[in-house]
N, C-alpha and C. Protein backbone atom coordinates (compact mmCIF):
# COMPACT_ATOMS: atom_id res chain seq x y z
N MET A 1 -15.55 -15.70 12.27
CA MET A 1 -14.14 -15.10 11.67
C MET A 1 -13.54 -14.28 12.39
N THR A 2 -12.37 -13.80 12.83
CA THR A 2 -11.95 -12.98 13.58
C THR A 2 -11.50 -11.33 12.71
N GLU A 3 -12.04 -11.08 12.62
CA GLU A 3 -11.27 -9.68 11.89
C GLU A 3 -10.03 -8.76 12.56
N ILE A 4 -9.04 -8.60 11.54
CA ILE A 4 -7.64 -8.23 11.91
C ILE A 4 -7.75 -6.64 11.66
N ASP A 5 -7.16 -6.19 12.87
CA ASP A 5 -6.66 -4.68 13.06
C ASP A 5 -5.20 -4.75 12.24
N PRO A 6 -5.54 -3.77 11.30
CA PRO A 6 -4.57 -3.10 10.67
C PRO A 6 -3.22 -2.55 11.06
N ASP A 7 -3.76 -1.76 12.86
CA ASP A 7 -3.02 -0.88 13.53
C ASP A 7 -2.27 -2.11 14.32
N ARG A 8 -2.30 -2.96 14.73
CA ARG A 8 -1.96 -3.71 15.44
C ARG A 8 -1.12 -4.92 14.89
N ILE A 9 -0.75 -5.44 13.72
CA ILE A 9 0.06 -5.40 12.45
C ILE A 9 1.59 -4.85 12.89
N ASP A 10 2.51 -4.93 12.89
CA ASP A 10 3.94 -4.32 12.94
C ASP A 10 3.93 -3.15 11.30
N PRO A 11 3.49 -1.83 11.77
CA PRO A 11 3.35 -1.16 10.41
C PRO A 11 4.90 -0.93 9.42
N ASP A 12 5.92 -1.15 11.01
CA ASP A 12 7.33 -0.87 9.63
C ASP A 12 7.73 -2.19 8.81
N ARG A 13 7.09 -3.44 9.31
CA ARG A 13 6.72 -4.33 8.49
C ARG A 13 7.20 -3.61 6.99
N TRP A 14 8.32 -4.20 5.57
CA TRP A 14 8.55 -4.16 4.41
C TRP A 14 7.56 -5.28 3.53
N LEU A 15 6.70 -4.72 3.00
CA LEU A 15 5.71 -5.64 1.94
C LEU A 15 6.56 -5.36 0.49
N SER A 16 6.07 -6.99 0.43
CA SER A 16 6.77 -6.81 -1.17
C SER A 16 5.56 -6.47 -2.55
N GLU A 17 5.87 -6.32 -4.07
CA GLU A 17 4.18 -5.55 -4.18
C GLU A 17 3.61 -6.23 -4.73
N ARG A 18 3.26 -7.76 -4.41
CA ARG A 18 2.21 -8.76 -4.50
C ARG A 18 1.66 -8.71 -2.49
N GLU A 19 2.26 -8.45 -1.71
CA GLU A 19 1.71 -8.56 -0.19
C GLU A 19 0.65 -7.04 -0.50
N THR A 20 1.28 -5.51 -0.96
CA THR A 20 0.93 -4.62 -0.97
C THR A 20 -0.42 -5.00 -1.79
N ALA A 21 -0.35 -5.27 -3.06
CA ALA A 21 -1.78 -5.88 -3.71
C ALA A 21 -2.59 -6.53 -3.08
N ALA A 22 -2.74 -7.52 -2.23
CA ALA A 22 -3.54 -8.64 -1.94
C ALA A 22 -4.20 -7.46 -0.61
N LEU A 23 -3.09 -6.12 0.04
CA LEU A 23 -3.19 -5.64 1.00
C LEU A 23 -4.54 -4.75 0.81
N LEU A 24 -4.13 -4.17 -0.76
CA LEU A 24 -5.30 -3.15 -1.11
C LEU A 24 -6.31 -3.48 -1.96
N GLY A 25 -6.42 -4.80 -2.39
CA GLY A 25 -7.37 -5.52 -3.02
C GLY A 25 -7.27 -5.23 -4.73
N VAL A 26 -5.80 -4.52 -4.92
CA VAL A 26 -6.25 -4.79 -6.58
C VAL A 26 -4.54 -5.82 -7.10
N GLY A 27 -4.44 -5.51 -8.05
CA GLY A 27 -3.35 -6.31 -8.51
C GLY A 27 -1.96 -5.95 -8.66
N VAL A 28 -0.90 -6.60 -8.91
CA VAL A 28 0.12 -6.18 -9.04
C VAL A 28 0.67 -5.04 -9.71
N ASP A 29 0.22 -5.42 -10.81
CA ASP A 29 0.30 -4.97 -12.42
C ASP A 29 -0.59 -3.48 -11.85
N THR A 30 -1.58 -3.06 -11.26
CA THR A 30 -2.34 -1.57 -10.81
C THR A 30 -1.09 -0.98 -9.45
N VAL A 31 -0.81 -1.90 -9.00
CA VAL A 31 0.38 -1.59 -7.66
C VAL A 31 1.68 -0.25 -9.02
N ARG A 32 1.45 -1.74 -9.52
CA ARG A 32 3.03 -0.81 -10.74
C ARG A 32 2.79 -0.08 -11.47
N ARG A 33 1.46 0.20 -11.66
CA ARG A 33 0.92 1.44 -12.31
C ARG A 33 0.94 2.67 -11.41
N TYR A 34 0.65 2.66 -9.80
CA TYR A 34 0.45 3.53 -9.41
C TYR A 34 2.20 4.12 -8.60
N ARG A 35 2.88 3.01 -8.64
CA ARG A 35 3.99 3.71 -8.74
C ARG A 35 4.85 4.71 -10.03
N ARG A 36 4.43 4.12 -11.12
CA ARG A 36 4.83 4.56 -12.06
C ARG A 36 4.15 6.02 -12.33
N ALA A 37 3.22 6.26 -12.06
CA ALA A 37 2.57 7.80 -12.32
C ALA A 37 3.08 8.36 -11.28
N GLY A 38 3.93 8.17 -10.33
CA GLY A 38 3.99 8.62 -8.38
C GLY A 38 2.30 8.78 -7.57
N THR A 39 2.01 8.12 -7.81
CA THR A 39 -0.20 8.40 -7.33
C THR A 39 0.08 7.40 -6.13
N GLY A 40 0.72 6.08 -6.29
CA GLY A 40 0.76 5.36 -4.83
C GLY A 40 1.37 5.34 -4.01
N PRO A 41 1.06 4.82 -3.27
CA PRO A 41 1.66 4.78 -1.77
C PRO A 41 3.47 5.01 -1.60
N ALA A 42 4.01 5.10 -0.41
CA ALA A 42 5.42 5.65 -0.73
C ALA A 42 5.93 4.31 -1.08
N TRP A 43 7.74 4.14 -1.59
CA TRP A 43 8.33 3.04 -1.45
C TRP A 43 9.54 3.32 -1.63
N SER A 44 10.64 2.10 -1.69
CA SER A 44 12.00 2.12 -1.76
C SER A 44 12.57 0.64 -2.37
N ARG A 45 13.19 1.68 -3.17
CA ARG A 45 13.99 0.04 -3.86
C ARG A 45 15.20 -0.16 -3.40
N LEU A 46 15.06 -1.01 -2.67
CA LEU A 46 16.53 -2.18 -1.79
C LEU A 46 17.23 -3.10 -2.52
N GLY A 47 18.32 -1.99 -2.84
CA GLY A 47 19.20 -3.20 -3.97
C GLY A 47 19.38 -2.52 -5.46
N VAL A 48 18.99 -3.08 -6.20
CA VAL A 48 18.79 -2.32 -7.93
C VAL A 48 17.56 -2.81 -8.22
N ARG A 49 17.08 -3.80 -7.65
CA ARG A 49 15.82 -3.95 -8.47
C ARG A 49 14.71 -4.38 -7.25
N LEU A 50 14.83 -4.29 -5.84
CA LEU A 50 14.37 -5.05 -5.01
C LEU A 50 12.72 -3.66 -4.30
N VAL A 51 11.72 -4.16 -4.84
CA VAL A 51 10.75 -2.05 -4.21
C VAL A 51 9.97 -3.18 -3.49
N ARG A 52 9.93 -2.27 -2.04
CA ARG A 52 9.27 -2.61 -0.54
C ARG A 52 8.84 -0.94 -0.48
N TYR A 53 7.71 -1.15 0.34
CA TYR A 53 6.45 -0.61 0.21
C TYR A 53 6.22 -1.53 2.58
N ARG A 54 6.66 -0.30 3.07
CA ARG A 54 6.21 -0.31 4.59
C ARG A 54 5.04 -0.30 4.77
N ARG A 55 3.95 -0.92 5.08
CA ARG A 55 3.11 -1.22 5.47
C ARG A 55 2.62 -0.32 6.28
N ALA A 56 3.09 0.72 7.12
CA ALA A 56 2.32 1.82 7.86
C ALA A 56 2.13 3.21 6.53
N ASP A 57 2.62 3.08 5.68
CA ASP A 57 2.72 4.20 4.35
C ASP A 57 1.40 3.24 3.19
N VAL A 58 1.37 1.84 3.53
CA VAL A 58 0.01 1.50 1.98
C VAL A 58 -0.84 1.85 3.32
N ILE A 59 -1.01 1.84 4.07
CA ILE A 59 -2.24 1.60 4.95
C ILE A 59 -2.42 3.23 5.02
N ALA A 60 -1.94 3.99 5.34
CA ALA A 60 -1.92 5.82 5.58
C ALA A 60 -2.93 6.43 4.00
N TRP A 61 -1.60 5.87 3.45
CA TRP A 61 -2.03 5.45 1.75
C TRP A 61 -3.22 5.64 1.79
N ALA A 62 -3.71 3.98 1.68
CA ALA A 62 -5.39 3.69 1.34
C ALA A 62 -6.69 4.33 2.25
N ARG A 63 -6.33 5.10 3.15
CA ARG A 63 -7.33 5.51 4.39
C ARG A 63 -7.52 7.61 3.46
N ALA A 64 -6.30 7.27 3.21
CA ALA A 64 -6.57 9.13 3.03
C ALA A 64 -7.10 8.58 1.40
N GLN A 65 -7.05 8.02 0.46
CA GLN A 65 -7.73 7.34 -1.17
C GLN A 65 -8.80 7.68 -0.33
N GLY A 66 -9.57 7.11 1.11
CA GLY A 66 -11.19 6.79 1.31
C GLY A 66 -11.69 7.97 1.61
N ALA A 67 -10.96 8.47 2.06
CA ALA A 67 -11.12 9.87 2.71
C ALA A 67 -11.02 11.31 1.35
N HIS A 68 -10.30 11.29 1.08
CA HIS A 68 -10.96 12.04 -0.46
C HIS A 68 -11.47 11.45 -1.22
N HIS A 69 -12.53 10.31 -1.97
CA HIS A 69 -13.50 9.79 -2.65
C HIS A 69 -14.88 10.38 -1.38
N GLN A 70 -14.26 10.23 -0.39
CA GLN A 70 -15.61 10.87 0.60
C GLN A 70 -16.03 11.78 0.63
N GLY A 71 -14.83 12.43 0.94
CA GLY A 71 -14.74 14.72 0.58
C GLY A 71 -15.65 14.37 -0.77
N ALA A 72 -15.60 13.94 -1.58
CA ALA A 72 -15.41 14.76 -3.29
C ALA A 72 -17.59 14.10 -3.33
N ALA A 73 -17.91 13.21 -2.24
CA ALA A 73 -19.50 13.14 -2.71
C ALA A 73 -20.18 13.95 -2.26
């Protein structure tokens, strides 16, 4: 199986909540909880109800979380 390099995929692509959850390996409810708490990746509201996450922001946030937890050990 070929491993996908997240840096080679369009970093400016907008992701849905479901795609963001899949990328992070968590449930959609967890992504929503992060957003409400202000602790998750940066997001934008497009229109009245459409919430989207920029792929590069999600990856940067996830890497920062990993670095934060590694540093705490």
